[in-house]
Amino acid sequence: IQDAADAADAYHLADIAHITGLVA
């Protein structure tokens, strides 16, 4: 997804609302 954002010269916001604990 970062690659897609880079292709458009856009920021990338990753919303991990559901998986905050899984990521931690």
mmCIF file of all heavy atoms, coordinates in Angstrom:
data_MODEL
# 
_entry.id   MODEL 
# 
loop_
_atom_site.group_PDB 
_atom_site.id 
_atom_site.type_symbol 
_atom_site.label_atom_id 
_atom_site.label_alt_id 
_atom_site.label_comp_id 
_atom_site.label_asym_id 
_atom_site.label_entity_id 
_atom_site.label_seq_id 
_atom_site.pdbx_PDB_ins_code 
_atom_site.Cartn_x 
_atom_site.Cartn_y 
_atom_site.Cartn_z 
_atom_site.occupancy 
_atom_site.B_iso_or_equiv 
_atom_site.pdbx_formal_charge 
_atom_site.auth_seq_id 
_atom_site.auth_comp_id 
_atom_site.auth_asym_id 
_atom_site.auth_atom_id 
_atom_site.pdbx_PDB_model_num 
ATOM 1   N N   . ILE A 1 1  ? 0.838   -1.196 0.000  1.00 0.00 ? 1  ILE A N   1 
ATOM 2   C CA  . ILE A 1 1  ? 0.000   0.000  0.000  1.00 0.00 ? 1  ILE A CA  1 
ATOM 3   C C   . ILE A 1 1  ? 0.876   1.251  0.000  1.00 0.00 ? 1  ILE A C   1 
ATOM 4   O O   . ILE A 1 1  ? 0.552   2.247  -0.654 1.00 0.00 ? 1  ILE A O   1 
ATOM 5   C CB  . ILE A 1 1  ? -0.958  -0.019 1.200  1.00 0.00 ? 1  ILE A CB  1 
ATOM 6   C CG1 . ILE A 1 1  ? -1.888  -1.223 1.099  1.00 0.00 ? 1  ILE A CG1 1 
ATOM 7   C CG2 . ILE A 1 1  ? -1.775  1.276  1.265  1.00 0.00 ? 1  ILE A CG2 1 
ATOM 8   C CD1 . ILE A 1 1  ? -2.813  -1.422 2.271  1.00 0.00 ? 1  ILE A CD1 1 
ATOM 9   N N   . GLN A 1 2  ? 2.007   1.190  0.680  1.00 0.00 ? 2  GLN A N   1 
ATOM 10  C CA  . GLN A 1 2  ? 2.944   2.311  0.640  1.00 0.00 ? 2  GLN A CA  1 
ATOM 11  C C   . GLN A 1 2  ? 3.444   2.536  -0.777 1.00 0.00 ? 2  GLN A C   1 
ATOM 12  O O   . GLN A 1 2  ? 3.606   3.686  -1.215 1.00 0.00 ? 2  GLN A O   1 
ATOM 13  C CB  . GLN A 1 2  ? 4.112   2.051  1.589  1.00 0.00 ? 2  GLN A CB  1 
ATOM 14  C CG  . GLN A 1 2  ? 5.097   3.205  1.693  1.00 0.00 ? 2  GLN A CG  1 
ATOM 15  C CD  . GLN A 1 2  ? 4.457   4.456  2.263  1.00 0.00 ? 2  GLN A CD  1 
ATOM 16  O OE1 . GLN A 1 2  ? 3.747   4.390  3.259  1.00 0.00 ? 2  GLN A OE1 1 
ATOM 17  N NE2 . GLN A 1 2  ? 4.699   5.597  1.629  1.00 0.00 ? 2  GLN A NE2 1 
ATOM 18  N N   . ASP A 1 3  ? 3.677   1.461  -1.501 1.00 0.00 ? 3  ASP A N   1 
ATOM 19  C CA  . ASP A 1 3  ? 4.088   1.602  -2.906 1.00 0.00 ? 3  ASP A CA  1 
ATOM 20  C C   . ASP A 1 3  ? 3.033   2.340  -3.716 1.00 0.00 ? 3  ASP A C   1 
ATOM 21  O O   . ASP A 1 3  ? 3.350   3.181  -4.567 1.00 0.00 ? 3  ASP A O   1 
ATOM 22  C CB  . ASP A 1 3  ? 4.345   0.224  -3.524 1.00 0.00 ? 3  ASP A CB  1 
ATOM 23  C CG  . ASP A 1 3  ? 5.614   -0.431 -3.006 1.00 0.00 ? 3  ASP A CG  1 
ATOM 24  O OD1 . ASP A 1 3  ? 6.455   0.285  -2.426 1.00 0.00 ? 3  ASP A OD1 1 
ATOM 25  O OD2 . ASP A 1 3  ? 5.757   -1.658 -3.171 1.00 0.00 ? 3  ASP A OD2 1 
ATOM 26  N N   . ALA A 1 4  ? 1.755   2.026  -3.459 1.00 0.00 ? 4  ALA A N   1 
ATOM 27  C CA  . ALA A 1 4  ? 0.669   2.709  -4.166 1.00 0.00 ? 4  ALA A CA  1 
ATOM 28  C C   . ALA A 1 4  ? 0.644   4.185  -3.807 1.00 0.00 ? 4  ALA A C   1 
ATOM 29  O O   . ALA A 1 4  ? 0.447   5.052  -4.672 1.00 0.00 ? 4  ALA A O   1 
ATOM 30  C CB  . ALA A 1 4  ? -0.669  2.048  -3.838 1.00 0.00 ? 4  ALA A CB  1 
ATOM 31  N N   . ALA A 1 5  ? 0.838   4.487  -2.524 1.00 0.00 ? 5  ALA A N   1 
ATOM 32  C CA  . ALA A 1 5  ? 0.867   5.891  -2.108 1.00 0.00 ? 5  ALA A CA  1 
ATOM 33  C C   . ALA A 1 5  ? 2.053   6.614  -2.732 1.00 0.00 ? 5  ALA A C   1 
ATOM 34  O O   . ALA A 1 5  ? 1.926   7.751  -3.213 1.00 0.00 ? 5  ALA A O   1 
ATOM 35  C CB  . ALA A 1 5  ? 0.922   5.980  -0.585 1.00 0.00 ? 5  ALA A CB  1 
ATOM 36  N N   . ASP A 1 6  ? 3.213   5.954  -2.754 1.00 0.00 ? 6  ASP A N   1 
ATOM 37  C CA  . ASP A 1 6  ? 4.400   6.566  -3.353 1.00 0.00 ? 6  ASP A CA  1 
ATOM 38  C C   . ASP A 1 6  ? 4.185   6.842  -4.841 1.00 0.00 ? 6  ASP A C   1 
ATOM 39  O O   . ASP A 1 6  ? 4.643   7.867  -5.365 1.00 0.00 ? 6  ASP A O   1 
ATOM 40  C CB  . ASP A 1 6  ? 5.613   5.657  -3.171 1.00 0.00 ? 6  ASP A CB  1 
ATOM 41  C CG  . ASP A 1 6  ? 6.102   5.605  -1.731 1.00 0.00 ? 6  ASP A CG  1 
ATOM 42  O OD1 . ASP A 1 6  ? 5.745   6.514  -0.949 1.00 0.00 ? 6  ASP A OD1 1 
ATOM 43  O OD2 . ASP A 1 6  ? 6.824   4.650  -1.393 1.00 0.00 ? 6  ASP A OD2 1 
ATOM 44  N N   . ALA A 1 7  ? 3.475   5.925  -5.509 1.00 0.00 ? 7  ALA A N   1 
ATOM 45  C CA  . ALA A 1 7  ? 3.231   6.099  -6.943 1.00 0.00 ? 7  ALA A CA  1 
ATOM 46  C C   . ALA A 1 7  ? 2.405   7.345  -7.226 1.00 0.00 ? 7  ALA A C   1 
ATOM 47  O O   . ALA A 1 7  ? 2.497   7.924  -8.313 1.00 0.00 ? 7  ALA A O   1 
ATOM 48  C CB  . ALA A 1 7  ? 2.527   4.867  -7.510 1.00 0.00 ? 7  ALA A CB  1 
ATOM 49  N N   . ALA A 1 8  ? 1.606   7.762  -6.258 1.00 0.00 ? 8  ALA A N   1 
ATOM 50  C CA  . ALA A 1 8  ? 0.767   8.956  -6.415 1.00 0.00 ? 8  ALA A CA  1 
ATOM 51  C C   . ALA A 1 8  ? 1.340   10.150 -5.654 1.00 0.00 ? 8  ALA A C   1 
ATOM 52  O O   . ALA A 1 8  ? 0.701   11.203 -5.593 1.00 0.00 ? 8  ALA A O   1 
ATOM 53  C CB  . ALA A 1 8  ? -0.645  8.664  -5.924 1.00 0.00 ? 8  ALA A CB  1 
ATOM 54  N N   . ASP A 1 9  ? 2.538   9.984  -5.069 1.00 0.00 ? 9  ASP A N   1 
ATOM 55  C CA  . ASP A 1 9  ? 3.139   11.033 -4.250 1.00 0.00 ? 9  ASP A CA  1 
ATOM 56  C C   . ASP A 1 9  ? 2.161   11.474 -3.163 1.00 0.00 ? 9  ASP A C   1 
ATOM 57  O O   . ASP A 1 9  ? 1.955   12.668 -2.926 1.00 0.00 ? 9  ASP A O   1 
ATOM 58  C CB  . ASP A 1 9  ? 3.558   12.221 -5.110 1.00 0.00 ? 9  ASP A CB  1 
ATOM 59  C CG  . ASP A 1 9  ? 4.487   13.182 -4.361 1.00 0.00 ? 9  ASP A CG  1 
ATOM 60  O OD1 . ASP A 1 9  ? 5.149   12.728 -3.400 1.00 0.00 ? 9  ASP A OD1 1 
ATOM 61  O OD2 . ASP A 1 9  ? 4.522   14.379 -4.722 1.00 0.00 ? 9  ASP A OD2 1 
ATOM 62  N N   . ALA A 1 10 ? 1.530   10.482 -2.504 1.00 0.00 ? 10 ALA A N   1 
ATOM 63  C CA  . ALA A 1 10 ? 0.510   10.735 -1.488 1.00 0.00 ? 10 ALA A CA  1 
ATOM 64  C C   . ALA A 1 10 ? 1.010   10.291 -0.117 1.00 0.00 ? 10 ALA A C   1 
ATOM 65  O O   . ALA A 1 10 ? 1.911   9.453  0.000  1.00 0.00 ? 10 ALA A O   1 
ATOM 66  C CB  . ALA A 1 10 ? -0.771  9.979  -1.834 1.00 0.00 ? 10 ALA A CB  1 
ATOM 67  N N   . TYR A 1 11 ? 0.396   10.852 0.913  1.00 0.00 ? 11 TYR A N   1 
ATOM 68  C CA  . TYR A 1 11 ? 0.620   10.345 2.253  1.00 0.00 ? 11 TYR A CA  1 
ATOM 69  C C   . TYR A 1 11 ? -0.065  8.982  2.392  1.00 0.00 ? 11 TYR A C   1 
ATOM 70  O O   . TYR A 1 11 ? -0.978  8.637  1.638  1.00 0.00 ? 11 TYR A O   1 
ATOM 71  C CB  . TYR A 1 11 ? 0.044   11.291 3.299  1.00 0.00 ? 11 TYR A CB  1 
ATOM 72  C CG  . TYR A 1 11 ? 0.680   12.650 3.350  1.00 0.00 ? 11 TYR A CG  1 
ATOM 73  C CD1 . TYR A 1 11 ? -0.035  13.789 2.988  1.00 0.00 ? 11 TYR A CD1 1 
ATOM 74  C CD2 . TYR A 1 11 ? 1.997   12.812 3.788  1.00 0.00 ? 11 TYR A CD2 1 
ATOM 75  C CE1 . TYR A 1 11 ? 0.545   15.058 3.051  1.00 0.00 ? 11 TYR A CE1 1 
ATOM 76  C CE2 . TYR A 1 11 ? 2.582   14.065 3.849  1.00 0.00 ? 11 TYR A CE2 1 
ATOM 77  C CZ  . TYR A 1 11 ? 1.850   15.180 3.475  1.00 0.00 ? 11 TYR A CZ  1 
ATOM 78  O OH  . TYR A 1 11 ? 2.427   16.422 3.527  1.00 0.00 ? 11 TYR A OH  1 
ATOM 79  N N   . HIS A 1 12 ? 0.376   8.228  3.386  1.00 0.00 ? 12 HIS A N   1 
ATOM 80  C CA  . HIS A 1 12 ? -0.238  6.926  3.685  1.00 0.00 ? 12 HIS A CA  1 
ATOM 81  C C   . HIS A 1 12 ? -0.639  6.918  5.151  1.00 0.00 ? 12 HIS A C   1 
ATOM 82  O O   . HIS A 1 12 ? 0.212   7.058  6.046  1.00 0.00 ? 12 HIS A O   1 
ATOM 83  C CB  . HIS A 1 12 ? 0.753   5.797  3.379  1.00 0.00 ? 12 HIS A CB  1 
ATOM 84  C CG  . HIS A 1 12 ? 0.263   4.432  3.733  1.00 0.00 ? 12 HIS A CG  1 
ATOM 85  N ND1 . HIS A 1 12 ? 1.107   3.325  3.787  1.00 0.00 ? 12 HIS A ND1 1 
ATOM 86  C CD2 . HIS A 1 12 ? -0.976  3.949  4.046  1.00 0.00 ? 12 HIS A CD2 1 
ATOM 87  C CE1 . HIS A 1 12 ? 0.412   2.259  4.123  1.00 0.00 ? 12 HIS A CE1 1 
ATOM 88  N NE2 . HIS A 1 12 ? -0.855  2.614  4.293  1.00 0.00 ? 12 HIS A NE2 1 
ATOM 89  N N   . LEU A 1 13 ? -1.940  6.771  5.403  1.00 0.00 ? 13 LEU A N   1 
ATOM 90  C CA  . LEU A 1 13 ? -2.483  6.629  6.752  1.00 0.00 ? 13 LEU A CA  1 
ATOM 91  C C   . LEU A 1 13 ? -2.923  5.194  6.948  1.00 0.00 ? 13 LEU A C   1 
ATOM 92  O O   . LEU A 1 13 ? -3.799  4.704  6.232  1.00 0.00 ? 13 LEU A O   1 
ATOM 93  C CB  . LEU A 1 13 ? -3.670  7.572  6.952  1.00 0.00 ? 13 LEU A CB  1 
ATOM 94  C CG  . LEU A 1 13 ? -4.608  7.284  8.138  1.00 0.00 ? 13 LEU A CG  1 
ATOM 95  C CD1 . LEU A 1 13 ? -3.843  7.360  9.459  1.00 0.00 ? 13 LEU A CD1 1 
ATOM 96  C CD2 . LEU A 1 13 ? -5.782  8.250  8.150  1.00 0.00 ? 13 LEU A CD2 1 
ATOM 97  N N   . ALA A 1 14 ? -2.330  4.512  7.909  1.00 0.00 ? 14 ALA A N   1 
ATOM 98  C CA  . ALA A 1 14 ? -2.712  3.137  8.250  1.00 0.00 ? 14 ALA A CA  1 
ATOM 99  C C   . ALA A 1 14 ? -3.524  3.180  9.541  1.00 0.00 ? 14 ALA A C   1 
ATOM 100 O O   . ALA A 1 14 ? -3.011  3.541  10.603 1.00 0.00 ? 14 ALA A O   1 
ATOM 101 C CB  . ALA A 1 14 ? -1.485  2.263  8.432  1.00 0.00 ? 14 ALA A CB  1 
ATOM 102 N N   . ASP A 1 15 ? -4.790  2.816  9.450  1.00 0.00 ? 15 ASP A N   1 
ATOM 103 C CA  . ASP A 1 15 ? -5.702  2.819  10.595 1.00 0.00 ? 15 ASP A CA  1 
ATOM 104 C C   . ASP A 1 15 ? -5.780  1.395  11.147 1.00 0.00 ? 15 ASP A C   1 
ATOM 105 O O   . ASP A 1 15 ? -6.426  0.527  10.571 1.00 0.00 ? 15 ASP A O   1 
ATOM 106 C CB  . ASP A 1 15 ? -7.076  3.308  10.143 1.00 0.00 ? 15 ASP A CB  1 
ATOM 107 C CG  . ASP A 1 15 ? -8.112  3.314  11.257 1.00 0.00 ? 15 ASP A CG  1 
ATOM 108 O OD1 . ASP A 1 15 ? -7.800  2.835  12.365 1.00 0.00 ? 15 ASP A OD1 1 
ATOM 109 O OD2 . ASP A 1 15 ? -9.238  3.784  11.014 1.00 0.00 ? 15 ASP A OD2 1 
ATOM 110 N N   . ILE A 1 16 ? -5.130  1.164  12.289 1.00 0.00 ? 16 ILE A N   1 
ATOM 111 C CA  . ILE A 1 16 ? -5.085  -0.183 12.857 1.00 0.00 ? 16 ILE A CA  1 
ATOM 112 C C   . ILE A 1 16 ? -6.053  -0.320 14.033 1.00 0.00 ? 16 ILE A C   1 
ATOM 113 O O   . ILE A 1 16 ? -5.817  -1.099 14.961 1.00 0.00 ? 16 ILE A O   1 
ATOM 114 C CB  . ILE A 1 16 ? -3.654  -0.574 13.280 1.00 0.00 ? 16 ILE A CB  1 
ATOM 115 C CG1 . ILE A 1 16 ? -3.095  0.374  14.349 1.00 0.00 ? 16 ILE A CG1 1 
ATOM 116 C CG2 . ILE A 1 16 ? -2.731  -0.610 12.071 1.00 0.00 ? 16 ILE A CG2 1 
ATOM 117 C CD1 . ILE A 1 16 ? -1.788  -0.118 14.987 1.00 0.00 ? 16 ILE A CD1 1 
ATOM 118 N N   . ALA A 1 17 ? -7.168  0.404  13.949 1.00 0.00 ? 17 ALA A N   1 
ATOM 119 C CA  . ALA A 1 17 ? -8.116  0.430  15.063 1.00 0.00 ? 17 ALA A CA  1 
ATOM 120 C C   . ALA A 1 17 ? -8.432  -0.949 15.605 1.00 0.00 ? 17 ALA A C   1 
ATOM 121 O O   . ALA A 1 17 ? -8.435  -1.169 16.817 1.00 0.00 ? 17 ALA A O   1 
ATOM 122 C CB  . ALA A 1 17 ? -9.406  1.129  14.625 1.00 0.00 ? 17 ALA A CB  1 
ATOM 123 N N   . HIS A 1 18 ? -8.704  -1.900 14.705 1.00 0.00 ? 18 HIS A N   1 
ATOM 124 C CA  . HIS A 1 18 ? -9.101  -3.234 15.141 1.00 0.00 ? 18 HIS A CA  1 
ATOM 125 C C   . HIS A 1 18 ? -7.931  -4.065 15.625 1.00 0.00 ? 18 HIS A C   1 
ATOM 126 O O   . HIS A 1 18 ? -8.102  -4.942 16.476 1.00 0.00 ? 18 HIS A O   1 
ATOM 127 C CB  . HIS A 1 18 ? -9.803  -3.963 13.996 1.00 0.00 ? 18 HIS A CB  1 
ATOM 128 C CG  . HIS A 1 18 ? -11.283 -3.795 14.010 1.00 0.00 ? 18 HIS A CG  1 
ATOM 129 N ND1 . HIS A 1 18 ? -12.136 -4.746 14.487 1.00 0.00 ? 18 HIS A ND1 1 
ATOM 130 C CD2 . HIS A 1 18 ? -12.065 -2.758 13.630 1.00 0.00 ? 18 HIS A CD2 1 
ATOM 131 C CE1 . HIS A 1 18 ? -13.380 -4.327 14.384 1.00 0.00 ? 18 HIS A CE1 1 
ATOM 132 N NE2 . HIS A 1 18 ? -13.362 -3.108 13.868 1.00 0.00 ? 18 HIS A NE2 1 
ATOM 133 N N   . ILE A 1 19 ? -6.762  -3.837 15.085 1.00 0.00 ? 19 ILE A N   1 
ATOM 134 C CA  . ILE A 1 19 ? -5.653  -4.767 15.302 1.00 0.00 ? 19 ILE A CA  1 
ATOM 135 C C   . ILE A 1 19 ? -4.523  -4.160 16.112 1.00 0.00 ? 19 ILE A C   1 
ATOM 136 O O   . ILE A 1 19 ? -3.398  -4.673 16.092 1.00 0.00 ? 19 ILE A O   1 
ATOM 137 C CB  . ILE A 1 19 ? -5.118  -5.309 13.955 1.00 0.00 ? 19 ILE A CB  1 
ATOM 138 C CG1 . ILE A 1 19 ? -4.692  -4.157 13.035 1.00 0.00 ? 19 ILE A CG1 1 
ATOM 139 C CG2 . ILE A 1 19 ? -6.161  -6.183 13.280 1.00 0.00 ? 19 ILE A CG2 1 
ATOM 140 C CD1 . ILE A 1 19 ? -3.982  -4.624 11.763 1.00 0.00 ? 19 ILE A CD1 1 
ATOM 141 N N   . THR A 1 20 ? -4.823  -3.089 16.871 1.00 0.00 ? 20 THR A N   1 
ATOM 142 C CA  . THR A 1 20 ? -3.765  -2.473 17.675 1.00 0.00 ? 20 THR A CA  1 
ATOM 143 C C   . THR A 1 20 ? -3.066  -3.493 18.563 1.00 0.00 ? 20 THR A C   1 
ATOM 144 O O   . THR A 1 20 ? -1.842  -3.496 18.695 1.00 0.00 ? 20 THR A O   1 
ATOM 145 C CB  . THR A 1 20 ? -4.355  -1.347 18.557 1.00 0.00 ? 20 THR A CB  1 
ATOM 146 O OG1 . THR A 1 20 ? -5.570  -1.805 19.158 1.00 0.00 ? 20 THR A OG1 1 
ATOM 147 C CG2 . THR A 1 20 ? -4.612  -0.101 17.761 1.00 0.00 ? 20 THR A CG2 1 
ATOM 148 N N   . GLY A 1 21 ? -3.850  -4.367 19.205 1.00 0.00 ? 21 GLY A N   1 
ATOM 149 C CA  . GLY A 1 21 ? -3.259  -5.363 20.087 1.00 0.00 ? 21 GLY A CA  1 
ATOM 150 C C   . GLY A 1 21 ? -2.485  -6.425 19.338 1.00 0.00 ? 21 GLY A C   1 
ATOM 151 O O   . GLY A 1 21 ? -1.424  -6.877 19.792 1.00 0.00 ? 21 GLY A O   1 
ATOM 152 N N   . LEU A 1 22 ? -2.998  -6.833 18.194 1.00 0.00 ? 22 LEU A N   1 
ATOM 153 C CA  . LEU A 1 22 ? -2.312  -7.847 17.399 1.00 0.00 ? 22 LEU A CA  1 
ATOM 154 C C   . LEU A 1 22 ? -0.974  -7.317 16.890 1.00 0.00 ? 22 LEU A C   1 
ATOM 155 O O   . LEU A 1 22 ? 0.027   -8.044 16.862 1.00 0.00 ? 22 LEU A O   1 
ATOM 156 C CB  . LEU A 1 22 ? -3.192  -8.285 16.222 1.00 0.00 ? 22 LEU A CB  1 
ATOM 157 C CG  . LEU A 1 22 ? -4.606  -8.780 16.562 1.00 0.00 ? 22 LEU A CG  1 
ATOM 158 C CD1 . LEU A 1 22 ? -5.294  -9.312 15.306 1.00 0.00 ? 22 LEU A CD1 1 
ATOM 159 C CD2 . LEU A 1 22 ? -4.581  -9.850 17.652 1.00 0.00 ? 22 LEU A CD2 1 
ATOM 160 N N   . VAL A 1 23 ? -0.957  -6.051 16.485 1.00 0.00 ? 23 VAL A N   1 
ATOM 161 C CA  . VAL A 1 23 ? 0.293   -5.440 16.028 1.00 0.00 ? 23 VAL A CA  1 
ATOM 162 C C   . VAL A 1 23 ? 1.264   -5.289 17.192 1.00 0.00 ? 23 VAL A C   1 
ATOM 163 O O   . VAL A 1 23 ? 2.451   -5.609 17.080 1.00 0.00 ? 23 VAL A O   1 
ATOM 164 C CB  . VAL A 1 23 ? 0.003   -4.080 15.359 1.00 0.00 ? 23 VAL A CB  1 
ATOM 165 C CG1 . VAL A 1 23 ? 1.307   -3.326 15.095 1.00 0.00 ? 23 VAL A CG1 1 
ATOM 166 C CG2 . VAL A 1 23 ? -0.759  -4.274 14.050 1.00 0.00 ? 23 VAL A CG2 1 
ATOM 167 N N   . ALA A 1 24 ? 0.772   -4.814 18.333 1.00 0.00 ? 24 ALA A N   1 
ATOM 168 C CA  . ALA A 1 24 ? 1.646   -4.635 19.494 1.00 0.00 ? 24 ALA A CA  1 
ATOM 169 C C   . ALA A 1 24 ? 2.290   -5.943 19.917 1.00 0.00 ? 24 ALA A C   1 
ATOM 170 O O   . ALA A 1 24 ? 3.454   -5.964 20.342 1.00 0.00 ? 24 ALA A O   1 
ATOM 171 C CB  . ALA A 1 24 ? 0.846   -4.045 20.657 1.00 0.00 ? 24 ALA A CB  1 
# 
